[in-house]
Amino acid sequence: MILSKSDRRLRIRKRIRKIISGTKGVPRLSVYRSNKEIYVQLIDDKEGKTLVAASSRDKEVSKEKGNKTEISKSVGTLLAERAIKAGISKVKFDRAGYLYHGRVKALATGAREGGLEF
């Protein structure tokens, strides 16, 4: 049986979500990557609430010039800034089935440099 890219990603995503769950103290850092933009949230799965969010469409980031990988890194830094302001320093990284490569890796690097601990 040959899987499409989206089916493969969905299977990986489900496998990851069986293991990773966020709490208020240590939320889940969830990544969504579209063709043009990248979105990231810190989620408390116990209450089903988004604690902090950032994306490449935010005013602070959309002004920046650069390729998508560079913008992803600045989104990670922005998220870390907002998370630390909200009193969150530790997170569980949920790559949502995307390979840890390119934009997803750049986002994680930016978040680590911003002060988040994975």
C-alpha atoms as a PDB file:
ATOM      1  CA  MET A   1       0.000   0.000   0.000  1.00  0.00           C
ATOM      2  CA  ILE A   2       1.432   3.361  -1.045  1.00  0.00           C
ATOM      3  CA  LEU A   3       0.613   6.318   1.180  1.00  0.00           C
ATOM      4  CA  SER A   4       0.314   9.889   0.027  1.00  0.00           C
ATOM      5  CA  LYS A   5       2.405  12.562   1.743  1.00  0.00           C
ATOM      6  CA  SER A   6      -0.576  13.802   3.744  1.00  0.00           C
ATOM      7  CA  ASP A   7      -1.548  10.267   4.872  1.00  0.00           C
ATOM      8  CA  ARG A   8       2.049   9.589   5.935  1.00  0.00           C
ATOM      9  CA  ARG A   9       2.150  12.844   7.912  1.00  0.00           C
ATOM     10  CA  LEU A  10      -1.179  12.050   9.562  1.00  0.00           C
ATOM     11  CA  ARG A  11       0.070   8.621  10.704  1.00  0.00           C
ATOM     12  CA  ILE A  12       3.249  10.137  12.142  1.00  0.00           C
ATOM     13  CA  ARG A  13       1.203  12.915  13.788  1.00  0.00           C
ATOM     14  CA  LYS A  14      -1.085  10.410  15.515  1.00  0.00           C
ATOM     15  CA  ARG A  15       1.897   8.378  16.692  1.00  0.00           C
ATOM     16  CA  ILE A  16       3.507  11.487  18.195  1.00  0.00           C
ATOM     17  CA  ARG A  17       0.272  12.673  19.870  1.00  0.00           C
ATOM     18  CA  LYS A  18      -0.123   9.318  21.650  1.00  0.00           C
ATOM     19  CA  ILE A  19       3.068  10.131  23.543  1.00  0.00           C
ATOM     20  CA  ILE A  20       3.116  13.933  23.887  1.00  0.00           C
ATOM     21  CA  SER A  21       0.564  15.798  25.993  1.00  0.00           C
ATOM     22  CA  GLY A  22       0.900  19.309  27.379  1.00  0.00           C
ATOM     23  CA  THR A  23       0.026  20.652  30.822  1.00  0.00           C
ATOM     24  CA  LYS A  24      -0.159  24.163  32.203  1.00  0.00           C
ATOM     25  CA  GLY A  25       3.378  23.842  33.639  1.00  0.00           C
ATOM     26  CA  VAL A  26       4.905  22.144  30.593  1.00  0.00           C
ATOM     27  CA  PRO A  27       2.725  22.881  27.528  1.00  0.00           C
ATOM     28  CA  ARG A  28       2.936  21.264  24.118  1.00  0.00           C
ATOM     29  CA  LEU A  29       4.608  23.393  21.428  1.00  0.00           C
ATOM     30  CA  SER A  30       2.549  22.590  18.335  1.00  0.00           C
ATOM     31  CA  VAL A  31       3.725  23.532  14.833  1.00  0.00           C
ATOM     32  CA  TYR A  32       1.613  23.999  11.695  1.00  0.00           C
ATOM     33  CA  ARG A  33       3.380  24.681   8.443  1.00  0.00           C
ATOM     34  CA  SER A  34       1.542  25.811   5.315  1.00  0.00           C
ATOM     35  CA  ASN A  35       3.187  26.504   1.974  1.00  0.00           C
ATOM     36  CA  LYS A  36       3.673  30.206   2.754  1.00  0.00           C
ATOM     37  CA  GLU A  37       3.304  30.657   6.517  1.00  0.00           C
ATOM     38  CA  ILE A  38       4.216  28.916   9.772  1.00  0.00           C
ATOM     39  CA  TYR A  39       2.139  28.925  12.948  1.00  0.00           C
ATOM     40  CA  VAL A  40       3.071  27.777  16.441  1.00  0.00           C
ATOM     41  CA  GLN A  41       1.115  27.472  19.702  1.00  0.00           C
ATOM     42  CA  LEU A  42       1.723  26.461  23.286  1.00  0.00           C
ATOM     43  CA  ILE A  43      -1.207  24.261  24.280  1.00  0.00           C
ATOM     44  CA  ASP A  44      -2.478  23.004  27.646  1.00  0.00           C
ATOM     45  CA  ASP A  45      -4.111  19.699  26.638  1.00  0.00           C
ATOM     46  CA  LYS A  46      -5.637  19.128  30.103  1.00  0.00           C
ATOM     47  CA  GLU A  47      -7.900  22.169  29.700  1.00  0.00           C
ATOM     48  CA  GLY A  48      -7.825  22.342  25.894  1.00  0.00           C
ATOM     49  CA  LYS A  49      -6.559  25.919  25.821  1.00  0.00           C
ATOM     50  CA  THR A  50      -3.944  27.768  23.809  1.00  0.00           C
ATOM     51  CA  LEU A  51      -1.653  29.604  26.237  1.00  0.00           C
ATOM     52  CA  VAL A  52       0.611  31.459  23.782  1.00  0.00           C
ATOM     53  CA  ALA A  53       0.689  31.672  19.986  1.00  0.00           C
ATOM     54  CA  ALA A  54       2.851  33.201  17.269  1.00  0.00           C
ATOM     55  CA  SER A  55       2.945  33.059  13.494  1.00  0.00           C
ATOM     56  CA  SER A  56       4.711  34.465  10.479  1.00  0.00           C
ATOM     57  CA  ARG A  57       1.651  36.687   9.943  1.00  0.00           C
ATOM     58  CA  ASP A  58       2.214  38.625  13.197  1.00  0.00           C
ATOM     59  CA  LYS A  59       3.133  42.278  12.730  1.00  0.00           C
ATOM     60  CA  GLU A  60       6.545  41.881  14.404  1.00  0.00           C
ATOM     61  CA  VAL A  61       7.557  39.127  11.995  1.00  0.00           C
ATOM     62  CA  SER A  62       5.780  40.106   8.761  1.00  0.00           C
ATOM     63  CA  LYS A  63       7.892  43.274   8.518  1.00  0.00           C
ATOM     64  CA  GLU A  64      11.077  41.203   8.319  1.00  0.00           C
ATOM     65  CA  LYS A  65      12.715  40.323   5.044  1.00  0.00           C
ATOM     66  CA  GLY A  66      14.255  36.950   4.334  1.00  0.00           C
ATOM     67  CA  ASN A  67      13.411  33.484   3.164  1.00  0.00           C
ATOM     68  CA  LYS A  68      10.864  31.218   4.876  1.00  0.00           C
ATOM     69  CA  THR A  69      13.506  29.472   6.994  1.00  0.00           C
ATOM     70  CA  GLU A  70      14.818  32.763   8.421  1.00  0.00           C
ATOM     71  CA  ILE A  71      11.278  33.945   9.137  1.00  0.00           C
ATOM     72  CA  SER A  72      10.534  30.627  10.901  1.00  0.00           C
ATOM     73  CA  LYS A  73      13.499  31.189  13.185  1.00  0.00           C
ATOM     74  CA  SER A  74      12.219  34.652  14.125  1.00  0.00           C
ATOM     75  CA  VAL A  75       8.746  33.176  14.809  1.00  0.00           C
ATOM     76  CA  GLY A  76      10.385  30.738  17.245  1.00  0.00           C
ATOM     77  CA  THR A  77      12.187  33.595  18.970  1.00  0.00           C
ATOM     78  CA  LEU A  78       8.941  35.607  19.174  1.00  0.00           C
ATOM     79  CA  LEU A  79       7.114  32.628  20.692  1.00  0.00           C
ATOM     80  CA  ALA A  80       9.856  32.148  23.279  1.00  0.00           C
ATOM     81  CA  GLU A  81       9.656  35.839  24.181  1.00  0.00           C
ATOM     82  CA  ARG A  82       5.880  35.634  24.696  1.00  0.00           C
ATOM     83  CA  ALA A  83       6.132  32.341  26.597  1.00  0.00           C
ATOM     84  CA  ILE A  84       8.714  33.666  29.045  1.00  0.00           C
ATOM     85  CA  LYS A  85       6.511  36.735  29.583  1.00  0.00           C
ATOM     86  CA  ALA A  86       3.653  34.315  30.410  1.00  0.00           C
ATOM     87  CA  GLY A  87       5.895  32.415  32.868  1.00  0.00           C
ATOM     88  CA  ILE A  88       6.581  29.346  30.705  1.00  0.00           C
ATOM     89  CA  SER A  89      10.143  28.109  30.283  1.00  0.00           C
ATOM     90  CA  LYS A  90       9.796  24.350  29.582  1.00  0.00           C
ATOM     91  CA  VAL A  91       7.837  22.863  26.664  1.00  0.00           C
ATOM     92  CA  LYS A  92       7.292  19.553  24.865  1.00  0.00           C
ATOM     93  CA  PHE A  93       7.970  19.860  21.129  1.00  0.00           C
ATOM     94  CA  ASP A  94       5.260  18.497  18.811  1.00  0.00           C
ATOM     95  CA  ARG A  95       6.408  18.641  15.204  1.00  0.00           C
ATOM     96  CA  ALA A  96       2.964  17.386  14.047  1.00  0.00           C
ATOM     97  CA  GLY A  97       4.290  14.833  11.584  1.00  0.00           C
ATOM     98  CA  TYR A  98       6.632  17.223   9.788  1.00  0.00           C
ATOM     99  CA  LEU A  99      10.241  16.177   9.425  1.00  0.00           C
ATOM    100  CA  TYR A 100      12.633  17.887  11.838  1.00  0.00           C
ATOM    101  CA  HIS A 101      14.296  19.702   8.992  1.00  0.00           C
ATOM    102  CA  GLY A 102      14.236  23.103   7.332  1.00  0.00           C
ATOM    103  CA  ARG A 103      11.573  25.472   8.679  1.00  0.00           C
ATOM    104  CA  VAL A 104      10.530  23.242  11.599  1.00  0.00           C
ATOM    105  CA  LYS A 105      14.148  22.911  12.733  1.00  0.00           C
ATOM    106  CA  ALA A 106      14.715  26.673  12.330  1.00  0.00           C
ATOM    107  CA  LEU A 107      11.626  27.396  14.449  1.00  0.00           C
ATOM    108  CA  ALA A 108      12.870  25.051  17.186  1.00  0.00           C
ATOM    109  CA  THR A 109      16.325  26.653  17.085  1.00  0.00           C
ATOM    110  CA  GLY A 110      14.797  30.128  17.397  1.00  0.00           C
ATOM    111  CA  ALA A 111      12.674  29.034  20.355  1.00  0.00           C
ATOM    112  CA  ARG A 112      15.708  27.511  22.098  1.00  0.00           C
ATOM    113  CA  GLU A 113      17.769  30.650  21.498  1.00  0.00           C
ATOM    114  CA  GLY A 114      14.859  32.684  22.881  1.00  0.00           C
ATOM    115  CA  GLY A 115      15.097  30.796  26.166  1.00  0.00           C
ATOM    116  CA  LEU A 116      12.661  27.875  25.919  1.00  0.00           C
ATOM    117  CA  GLU A 117      13.816  24.485  27.164  1.00  0.00           C
ATOM    118  CA  PHE A 118      12.688  21.357  25.283  1.00  0.00           C
END
